[in-house]
């Protein structure tokens, strides 16, 4: 099992030691052209988690490749690049641009950002377009909206090498005094503790219909939470909102996971993968 960060939840160049404590660092989402992102306010805390409406702010793929990528590679941590866009060709063009970059181990396709307009093509169509333009590993990051099992099957058939589950879900918070939205865009993506049961359900469901490796994420704060995602069928685990409050979370979660594994009689994390499923995995037709 590898421990990753959820895309956008860690600035590796500002906190390099935190990034080095991970097994894989996942970049913020990169789009073909630079983006300033959504209007402020972009982050709001709630009693059940955190809302964000960053809007994919990033320098664009050309500047990322000419400058940022070398700095990130210098950290010495395996690197995944999160790729976003507003059409299948946007995604595919960025994947092609990154295909020859040896610094990049895998590409995570952000197919589910709740804070920007979505591409008109389906997730499977975007994956297929990217598959035709890169030999890199492709992980499809999905939201738990709609029939996530059907989407998982479709992206697997289209050539995805793995799944990242889950992205944030759409939410809102109002100012107690003005009763106006606290985020500049009104709504944003909810992460943190409230997302954990949703993530577990998505991982469990997708493990039953797809054979792809799964990076489970959503509300992971402790080693026990990581173990639950493994039991549901994740093969790797990512930390998100927890990194904002606790930069030591990777080390702490690893130690807690070892304790939790031992308490359940497991010697290795891989032994726990899928144990929440009764008997052998059953593919749902």
Protein backbone atom coordinates (compact mmCIF):
# COMPACT_ATOMS: atom_id res chain seq x y z
CA UNK A 1 0.00 0.00 0.00
CA UNK A 2 1.19 3.49 -0.89
CA UNK A 3 0.26 6.68 0.90
CA UNK A 4 -0.45 9.66 -1.37
CA UNK A 5 -1.90 13.14 -1.03
CA UNK A 6 -5.18 14.12 -2.61
CA UNK A 7 -4.56 16.56 -5.46
CA UNK A 8 -4.67 20.18 -4.31
CA UNK A 9 -4.27 19.40 -0.60
CA UNK A 10 -0.51 19.92 -0.36
CA UNK A 11 1.89 22.45 -1.84
CA UNK A 12 5.02 20.33 -2.08
CA UNK A 13 7.36 23.22 -2.80
CA UNK A 14 6.17 25.09 0.29
CA UNK A 15 6.20 21.99 2.49
CA UNK A 16 8.84 19.70 0.94
CA UNK A 17 9.36 17.58 4.05
CA UNK A 18 5.67 16.74 4.16
CA UNK A 19 5.79 15.74 0.49
CA UNK A 20 8.82 13.55 1.13
CA UNK A 21 6.93 11.72 3.86
CA UNK A 22 4.53 10.39 1.21
CA UNK A 23 5.08 7.44 -1.14
CA UNK A 24 3.70 9.43 -4.08
CA UNK A 25 3.08 13.16 -4.52
CA UNK A 26 0.09 14.18 -6.65
CA UNK A 27 0.23 17.69 -8.13
CA UNK A 28 -2.51 20.26 -8.22
CA UNK A 29 -4.58 19.95 -11.37
CA UNK A 30 -2.94 21.38 -14.49
CA UNK A 31 -4.96 22.65 -17.45
CA UNK A 32 -3.80 23.56 -20.99
CA UNK A 33 -4.01 27.31 -20.35
CA UNK A 34 -3.25 29.25 -17.15
CA UNK A 35 -6.20 29.83 -14.82
CA UNK A 36 -6.64 32.38 -12.05
CA UNK A 37 -9.37 30.29 -10.45
CA UNK A 38 -12.66 31.28 -8.87
CA UNK A 39 -13.36 34.57 -7.05
CA UNK A 40 -12.77 34.71 -3.28
CA UNK A 41 -13.67 33.50 -0.80
CA UNK A 42 -12.40 30.08 -1.90
CA UNK A 43 -12.32 28.11 1.36
CA UNK A 44 -14.83 27.82 4.19
CA UNK A 45 -14.71 25.56 7.23
CA UNK A 46 -17.90 23.82 8.35
CA UNK A 47 -18.72 21.62 11.32
CA UNK A 48 -18.55 18.52 9.09
CA UNK A 49 -15.55 19.32 6.92
CA UNK A 50 -14.15 21.91 4.54
CA UNK A 51 -15.61 23.57 1.47
CA UNK A 52 -13.31 24.73 -1.30
CA UNK A 53 -13.91 26.52 -4.56
CA UNK A 54 -10.40 27.01 -5.92
CA UNK A 55 -11.45 26.63 -9.55
CA UNK A 56 -8.33 24.85 -10.84
CA UNK A 57 -6.00 27.83 -10.43
CA UNK A 58 -2.71 26.81 -12.09
CA UNK A 59 0.07 28.15 -14.35
CA UNK A 60 -0.94 26.11 -17.42
CA UNK A 61 0.76 23.09 -18.93
CA UNK A 62 3.60 24.92 -20.70
CA UNK A 63 4.85 26.79 -17.65
CA UNK A 64 4.29 23.71 -15.51
CA UNK A 65 6.52 21.65 -17.82
CA UNK A 66 9.21 24.32 -18.22
CA UNK A 67 9.51 25.28 -14.57
CA UNK A 68 7.38 23.62 -11.90
CA UNK A 69 7.91 20.02 -12.97
CA UNK A 70 11.70 20.14 -12.50
CA UNK A 71 11.30 21.63 -9.03
CA UNK A 72 8.83 18.92 -8.03
CA UNK A 73 11.02 16.16 -9.45
CA UNK A 74 13.85 17.48 -7.29
CA UNK A 75 11.97 16.41 -4.19
CA UNK A 76 12.86 12.80 -4.98
CA UNK A 77 9.29 11.50 -4.54
CA UNK A 78 7.45 9.55 -7.27
CA UNK A 79 5.29 12.09 -9.07
CA UNK A 80 1.75 11.92 -10.41
CA UNK A 81 0.36 14.87 -12.37
CA UNK A 82 -3.31 15.73 -12.06
CA UNK A 83 -4.67 16.72 -15.47
CA UNK A 84 -7.82 18.76 -16.07
CA UNK A 85 -9.61 20.47 -18.92
CA UNK A 86 -12.88 21.47 -20.50
CA UNK A 87 -12.94 19.02 -23.40
CA UNK A 88 -11.52 15.60 -24.21
CA UNK A 89 -8.91 17.25 -26.42
CA UNK A 90 -7.80 19.48 -23.52
CA UNK A 91 -7.07 16.41 -21.42
CA UNK A 92 -5.47 14.50 -24.27
CA UNK A 93 -3.22 17.38 -25.31
CA UNK A 94 -1.84 17.75 -21.79
CA UNK A 95 -1.31 13.99 -21.51
CA UNK A 96 0.60 14.02 -24.78
CA UNK A 97 2.71 16.95 -23.55
CA UNK A 98 3.62 14.98 -20.42
CA UNK A 99 4.11 11.63 -22.13
CA UNK A 100 7.84 12.06 -22.71
CA UNK A 101 8.59 13.47 -19.27
CA UNK A 102 10.45 10.78 -17.38
CA UNK A 103 9.85 12.62 -14.10
CA UNK A 104 6.15 11.71 -14.27
CA UNK A 105 5.12 8.25 -13.11
CA UNK A 106 1.38 8.53 -13.74
CA UNK A 107 -1.37 10.91 -14.80
CA UNK A 108 -4.52 11.37 -12.73
CA UNK A 109 -7.42 12.60 -14.84
CA UNK A 110 -9.53 15.00 -12.79
CA UNK A 111 -12.89 14.03 -14.26
CA UNK A 112 -15.03 15.33 -11.43
CA UNK A 113 -14.10 18.82 -10.19
CA UNK A 114 -17.28 20.37 -8.73
CA UNK A 115 -15.97 23.94 -9.02
CA UNK A 116 -15.73 24.39 -12.80
CA UNK A 117 -17.85 23.58 -15.84
CA UNK A 118 -17.45 19.98 -16.94
CA UNK A 119 -16.29 18.77 -20.33
CA UNK A 120 -19.18 17.78 -22.61
CA UNK A 121 -17.71 14.33 -23.24
CA UNK A 122 -18.24 11.40 -20.90
CA UNK A 123 -15.53 10.20 -18.54
CA UNK A 124 -14.96 7.17 -20.77
CA UNK A 125 -14.57 9.33 -23.87
CA UNK A 126 -11.99 11.49 -22.11
CA UNK A 127 -10.05 8.43 -20.93
CA UNK A 128 -10.10 6.94 -24.42
CA UNK A 129 -8.79 10.21 -25.91
CA UNK A 130 -5.98 10.33 -23.37
CA UNK A 131 -5.15 6.66 -23.80
CA UNK A 132 -4.51 7.27 -27.49
CA UNK A 133 -1.99 10.03 -26.70
CA UNK A 134 0.07 8.66 -23.80
CA UNK A 135 1.74 5.51 -22.56
CA UNK A 136 1.72 6.75 -18.96
CA UNK A 137 -0.40 5.11 -16.29
CA UNK A 138 -3.84 6.74 -16.29
CA UNK A 139 -5.89 7.00 -13.11
CA UNK A 140 -9.45 8.28 -13.46
CA UNK A 141 -10.56 10.43 -10.52
CA UNK A 142 -14.30 10.11 -10.10
CA UNK A 143 -16.96 11.80 -8.01
CA UNK A 144 -19.51 9.63 -6.17
CA UNK A 145 -22.36 11.24 -8.11
CA UNK A 146 -24.76 9.17 -10.17
CA UNK A 147 -23.91 5.55 -11.01
CA UNK A 148 -20.25 5.47 -10.03
CA UNK A 149 -20.09 1.72 -10.73
CA UNK A 150 -21.18 2.23 -14.32
CA UNK A 151 -18.63 5.00 -14.80
CA UNK A 152 -15.91 2.79 -13.30
CA UNK A 153 -16.73 0.01 -15.74
CA UNK A 154 -16.75 2.44 -18.65
CA UNK A 155 -13.36 4.03 -17.88
CA UNK A 156 -11.83 0.59 -17.32
CA UNK A 157 -13.03 -0.46 -20.78
CA UNK A 158 -11.70 2.81 -22.23
CA UNK A 159 -8.17 2.12 -21.03
CA UNK A 160 -7.82 3.51 -17.51
CA UNK A 161 -5.13 1.82 -15.41
CA UNK A 162 -6.62 2.75 -12.05
CA UNK A 163 -9.30 4.69 -10.18
CA UNK A 164 -9.02 7.53 -7.65
CA UNK A 165 -12.08 7.54 -5.38
CA UNK A 166 -13.46 9.98 -4.52
CA UNK A 167 -13.43 13.63 -5.42
CA UNK A 168 -15.34 16.13 -3.29
CA UNK A 169 -19.11 16.44 -3.35
CA UNK A 170 -20.94 19.71 -3.96
CA UNK A 171 -21.93 21.65 -0.86
CA UNK A 172 -22.67 25.13 0.49
CA UNK A 173 -22.30 27.16 3.67
CA UNK A 174 -24.07 30.41 4.56
CA UNK A 175 -22.80 33.26 6.70
CA UNK A 176 -24.75 33.21 9.97
CA UNK A 177 -25.16 37.00 9.99
CA UNK A 178 -25.85 37.86 6.36
CA UNK A 179 -27.32 34.53 5.25
CA UNK A 180 -25.27 34.88 2.10
CA UNK A 181 -23.00 32.17 0.67
CA UNK A 182 -19.58 32.08 2.29
CA UNK A 183 -17.87 31.06 -0.95
CA UNK A 184 -17.48 33.50 -3.82
CA UNK A 185 -18.96 31.01 -6.27
CA UNK A 186 -21.74 30.04 -3.88
CA UNK A 187 -21.16 26.32 -3.87
CA UNK A 188 -17.95 24.33 -3.57
CA UNK A 189 -16.52 20.89 -2.97
CA UNK A 190 -17.03 19.34 0.47
CA UNK A 191 -14.16 17.28 1.88
CA UNK A 192 -13.26 16.00 5.33
CA UNK A 193 -15.12 13.73 7.78
CA UNK A 194 -18.51 14.00 6.06
CA UNK A 195 -17.00 12.52 2.89
CA UNK A 196 -15.66 9.36 4.55
CA UNK A 197 -18.81 7.17 4.40
CA UNK A 198 -19.39 8.32 0.82
CA UNK A 199 -15.85 7.36 -0.15
CA UNK A 200 -16.18 3.96 1.51
CA UNK A 201 -19.36 3.23 -0.41
CA UNK A 202 -17.81 4.27 -3.72
CA UNK A 203 -14.67 2.18 -3.19
CA UNK A 204 -16.72 -0.83 -2.08
CA UNK A 205 -19.04 -0.53 -5.09
CA UNK A 206 -16.31 -0.02 -7.66
CA UNK A 207 -14.20 -2.89 -6.30
CA UNK A 208 -17.11 -5.21 -7.07
CA UNK A 209 -17.38 -4.18 -10.72
CA UNK A 210 -13.83 -3.28 -11.77
CA UNK A 211 -10.47 -5.01 -11.46
CA UNK A 212 -8.43 -1.81 -11.47
CA UNK A 213 -6.27 -0.68 -8.54
CA UNK A 214 -8.03 1.96 -6.46
CA UNK A 215 -6.63 4.94 -4.56
CA UNK A 216 -9.15 5.49 -1.77
CA UNK A 217 -9.57 8.98 -0.33
CA UNK A 218 -12.12 11.05 1.50
CA UNK A 219 -12.04 12.04 5.17
CA UNK A 220 -9.03 9.92 6.13
CA UNK A 221 -7.75 11.23 9.47
CA UNK A 222 -6.41 8.10 11.19
CA UNK A 223 -4.83 4.75 10.48
CA UNK A 224 -8.16 3.07 11.22
CA UNK A 225 -9.79 5.17 8.51
CA UNK A 226 -7.10 4.04 6.07
CA UNK A 227 -7.70 0.42 7.05
CA UNK A 228 -11.41 0.81 6.37
CA UNK A 229 -10.72 1.98 2.83
CA UNK A 230 -8.38 -0.96 2.28
CA UNK A 231 -11.02 -3.34 3.58
CA UNK A 232 -13.55 -1.81 1.20
CA UNK A 233 -11.21 -2.56 -1.70
CA UNK A 234 -8.71 0.27 -2.06
CA UNK A 235 -5.15 -0.75 -2.84
CA UNK A 236 -3.66 2.65 -1.90
CA UNK A 237 -4.83 5.52 0.31
CA UNK A 238 -4.61 9.31 -0.05
CA UNK A 239 -4.77 12.01 2.61
CA UNK A 240 -6.62 15.23 1.87
CA UNK A 241 -8.09 17.72 4.30
CA UNK A 242 -6.16 16.18 7.19
CA UNK A 243 -2.94 17.60 5.72
CA UNK A 244 -4.14 21.16 6.29
CA UNK A 245 -4.49 20.61 10.03
CA UNK A 246 -1.67 18.15 10.62
CA UNK A 247 1.48 18.20 8.46
CA UNK A 248 2.66 15.12 10.38
CA UNK A 249 -0.40 13.17 9.23
CA UNK A 250 1.48 10.84 6.82
CA UNK A 251 3.85 9.59 9.52
CA UNK A 252 1.12 9.38 12.14
CA UNK A 253 -1.38 7.58 9.89
CA UNK A 254 1.27 5.04 8.87
CA UNK A 255 2.04 4.27 12.52
CA UNK A 256 -1.64 4.03 13.42
CA UNK A 257 -2.28 1.79 10.41
CA UNK A 258 0.43 -0.63 11.55
CA UNK A 259 -1.25 -0.83 14.97
CA UNK A 260 -4.70 -1.32 13.43
CA UNK A 261 -3.44 -4.04 11.07
CA UNK A 262 -1.83 -5.93 13.93
CA UNK A 263 -5.01 -5.68 15.99
CA UNK A 264 -6.88 -7.43 13.17
CA UNK A 265 -4.22 -10.08 12.66
CA UNK A 266 -2.73 -8.71 9.44
CA UNK A 267 1.01 -8.64 8.87
CA UNK A 268 0.84 -6.43 5.78
CA UNK A 269 -1.60 -3.83 4.49
CA UNK A 270 -2.15 -5.80 1.28
CA UNK A 271 -3.70 -8.62 3.31
CA UNK A 272 -6.54 -6.33 4.35
CA UNK A 273 -7.53 -5.27 0.83
CA UNK A 274 -11.14 -6.24 0.12
CA UNK A 275 -11.88 -8.07 3.36
CA UNK A 276 -15.16 -6.16 3.72
CA UNK A 277 -16.47 -8.17 0.79
CA UNK A 278 -17.91 -11.54 1.76
CA UNK A 279 -16.10 -14.37 -0.01
CA UNK A 280 -14.62 -13.75 -3.44
CA UNK A 281 -15.28 -10.49 -5.26
CA UNK A 282 -18.48 -10.69 -7.27
CA UNK A 283 -18.63 -8.80 -10.54
CA UNK A 284 -22.02 -7.17 -11.00
CA UNK A 285 -23.24 -7.66 -14.53
